[in-house]
Protein backbone atom coordinates (compact mmCIF):
# COMPACT_ATOMS: atom_id res chain seq x y z
CA MET A 1 -15.06 -32.85 -43.41
CA GLU A 2 -14.62 -29.31 -42.30
CA GLN A 3 -12.44 -28.25 -39.03
CA THR A 4 -12.16 -24.79 -36.97
CA LEU A 5 -9.79 -23.83 -34.33
CA VAL A 6 -10.61 -22.87 -30.84
CA ILE A 7 -9.23 -20.85 -28.12
CA LEU A 8 -10.12 -21.03 -24.80
CA LYS A 9 -8.53 -17.77 -23.07
CA PRO A 10 -6.92 -17.49 -20.00
CA ASN A 11 -9.94 -16.61 -18.68
CA ALA A 12 -11.76 -18.93 -19.51
CA VAL A 13 -8.77 -21.30 -17.65
CA GLN A 14 -8.70 -19.50 -14.85
CA ARG A 15 -12.41 -19.41 -14.42
CA GLU A 16 -11.65 -23.19 -14.58
CA LEU A 17 -14.60 -23.39 -17.01
CA ILE A 18 -12.17 -25.80 -19.50
CA GLY A 19 -14.38 -28.90 -19.14
CA ASP A 20 -17.38 -26.86 -19.50
CA LEU A 21 -16.48 -25.74 -22.35
CA ILE A 22 -15.28 -28.61 -24.06
CA SER A 23 -18.14 -30.72 -22.84
CA ARG A 24 -20.61 -28.89 -25.46
CA PHE A 25 -18.84 -28.95 -28.34
CA GLU A 26 -18.77 -32.46 -27.31
CA ARG A 27 -22.29 -32.58 -26.97
CA ARG A 28 -22.48 -31.25 -30.33
CA GLY A 29 -21.17 -34.16 -32.39
CA LEU A 30 -17.90 -32.12 -32.60
CA LYS A 31 -14.97 -33.88 -33.05
CA ILE A 32 -11.58 -33.06 -31.42
CA THR A 33 -8.50 -33.59 -33.11
CA ALA A 34 -6.00 -31.78 -31.22
CA MET A 35 -6.14 -29.97 -28.46
CA LYS A 36 -2.94 -28.21 -25.78
CA LEU A 37 -2.76 -26.30 -23.32
CA CYS A 38 -0.41 -23.11 -22.76
CA SER A 39 0.86 -19.51 -22.99
CA ILE A 40 1.11 -18.32 -26.00
CA SER A 41 4.32 -15.90 -26.75
CA THR A 42 3.94 -11.82 -27.80
CA GLU A 43 5.43 -13.20 -31.28
CA THR A 44 2.92 -16.14 -32.05
CA ALA A 45 -0.11 -13.82 -30.93
CA ALA A 46 1.07 -10.98 -33.00
CA HIS A 47 0.74 -12.46 -36.09
CA HIS A 48 -2.93 -14.92 -35.59
CA TYR A 49 -4.15 -10.84 -34.32
CA ARG A 50 -1.99 -9.45 -37.24
CA GLU A 51 -5.28 -7.83 -38.84
CA HIS A 52 -5.78 -5.25 -35.31
CA LEU A 53 -2.65 -4.31 -36.01
CA GLU A 54 -3.95 -1.16 -36.06
CA GLU A 55 -7.37 -0.99 -33.92
CA PRO A 56 -6.98 0.84 -30.59
CA PHE A 57 -7.79 -2.51 -28.68
CA TYR A 58 -4.76 -4.37 -30.30
CA GLU A 59 -2.02 -3.66 -27.65
CA ASP A 60 -4.72 -4.83 -24.74
CA LEU A 61 -5.59 -7.94 -26.55
CA ILE A 62 -2.24 -9.12 -27.06
CA SER A 63 -1.38 -8.33 -23.40
CA PHE A 64 -4.55 -10.62 -22.55
CA ILE A 65 -4.13 -13.93 -24.68
CA THR A 66 -0.01 -13.98 -23.85
CA SER A 67 -1.88 -13.19 -20.06
CA GLY A 68 -1.96 -16.89 -18.81
CA PRO A 69 -2.42 -20.18 -20.24
CA SER A 70 -5.11 -20.93 -22.81
CA VAL A 71 -6.34 -24.11 -24.29
CA ILE A 72 -6.36 -24.59 -28.15
CA ILE A 73 -8.96 -26.91 -29.46
CA VAL A 74 -9.25 -28.63 -33.95
CA LEU A 75 -12.03 -29.61 -33.97
CA GLU A 76 -14.14 -31.09 -36.99
CA SER A 77 -17.59 -31.29 -38.63
CA LEU A 78 -19.96 -31.08 -41.14
CA ALA A 79 -20.04 -27.49 -40.95
CA ALA A 80 -17.61 -27.02 -37.99
CA VAL A 81 -16.58 -23.13 -38.93
CA THR A 82 -20.77 -22.73 -38.89
CA ILE A 83 -21.56 -24.36 -35.68
CA VAL A 84 -19.04 -23.46 -33.50
CA ARG A 85 -19.52 -19.96 -34.31
CA SER A 86 -23.23 -20.23 -33.27
CA MET A 87 -22.61 -21.79 -29.72
CA VAL A 88 -20.08 -18.99 -29.46
CA GLY A 89 -22.06 -15.96 -29.70
CA THR A 90 -21.16 -12.58 -31.08
CA THR A 91 -17.55 -11.29 -29.91
CA ASN A 92 -19.80 -8.38 -27.44
CA PRO A 93 -20.84 -10.41 -24.75
CA ALA A 94 -23.70 -8.48 -24.08
CA ASP A 95 -25.26 -8.45 -28.04
CA ALA A 96 -24.96 -12.70 -27.34
CA ALA A 97 -27.74 -15.03 -27.44
CA PRO A 98 -27.96 -16.49 -24.28
CA GLY A 99 -27.68 -19.89 -24.67
CA THR A 100 -24.60 -19.16 -26.54
CA ILE A 101 -20.62 -19.68 -24.81
CA ARG A 102 -20.26 -15.36 -24.97
CA GLY A 103 -23.96 -15.04 -23.60
CA ASP A 104 -23.00 -17.47 -21.21
CA PHE A 105 -19.91 -16.72 -19.28
CA ALA A 106 -18.36 -13.53 -20.90
CA THR A 107 -19.18 -9.43 -20.43
CA SER A 108 -16.34 -7.56 -21.82
CA PRO A 109 -16.02 -7.49 -25.40
CA GLY A 110 -11.74 -7.37 -24.63
CA HIS A 111 -11.92 -10.36 -22.86
CA ASN A 112 -14.85 -13.00 -24.23
CA MET A 113 -13.23 -16.08 -23.19
CA ILE A 114 -13.31 -17.67 -26.49
CA HIS A 115 -12.25 -17.67 -30.20
CA ALA A 116 -13.14 -19.13 -32.93
CA SER A 117 -11.68 -19.08 -35.99
CA ASP A 118 -14.33 -16.71 -38.66
CA SER A 119 -14.04 -18.98 -41.96
CA ILE A 120 -12.30 -21.80 -43.96
CA GLU A 121 -9.57 -20.02 -44.80
CA SER A 122 -8.96 -18.37 -41.58
CA ALA A 123 -9.39 -22.32 -39.87
CA LYS A 124 -7.00 -23.95 -42.22
CA LYS A 125 -4.18 -20.54 -41.20
CA GLU A 126 -4.76 -20.69 -37.67
CA ILE A 127 -4.49 -24.34 -37.24
CA GLU A 128 -1.11 -24.15 -38.95
CA LEU A 129 0.40 -21.78 -36.53
CA PHE A 130 -0.54 -23.49 -33.86
CA PHE A 131 -0.62 -27.11 -34.16
CA SER A 132 2.52 -29.20 -36.63
CA SER A 133 1.07 -31.59 -38.20
CA ASP A 134 2.36 -34.49 -36.01
CA GLU A 135 -0.02 -33.26 -33.12
CA MET A 136 -3.51 -34.23 -35.08
CA MET A 137 -5.37 -36.94 -34.62
CA ASN A 138 -6.47 -38.82 -37.58
CA TYR A 139 -9.45 -41.07 -36.17
CA LYS A 140 -12.91 -42.35 -36.14
CA LEU A 141 -16.19 -42.04 -33.39
CA SER A 142 -17.85 -45.36 -33.87
CA VAL A 143 -20.55 -42.26 -32.72
CA ARG A 144 -20.24 -40.11 -36.73
CA PRO A 145 -23.32 -42.02 -38.24
CA TRP A 146 -25.88 -40.86 -35.51
CA LEU A 147 -24.83 -37.35 -35.84
């Protein structure tokens, strides 16, 4: 099984979309193996977004992700990274297809509601950044054979 990291950003929390967004993943058949509501520190945000350090939007990105609580989730399934990325939609909500999370709920590329790991390697690093091993749950879903 593959795991991926999702962050429901502060605007998703403020708009009270947590349940709606999580239910999309659950209905698709993705298993939640870790989840928490927390405020992301500036230090953690800087580490998470370090590849954007030289970008002109970096400071706004850090300011936004640290502006309020986020919900951080680890999801698991076969091809979890690819499935979640397709559900989330393109980075720019103006280009995101209707039916995707960004296509349905976001309007700004900088405040696009949600983060999803872009590769298996990124997912592993991001999960380790946000969760300790004792926060990860290993359990079986009884519905798994039907998916």
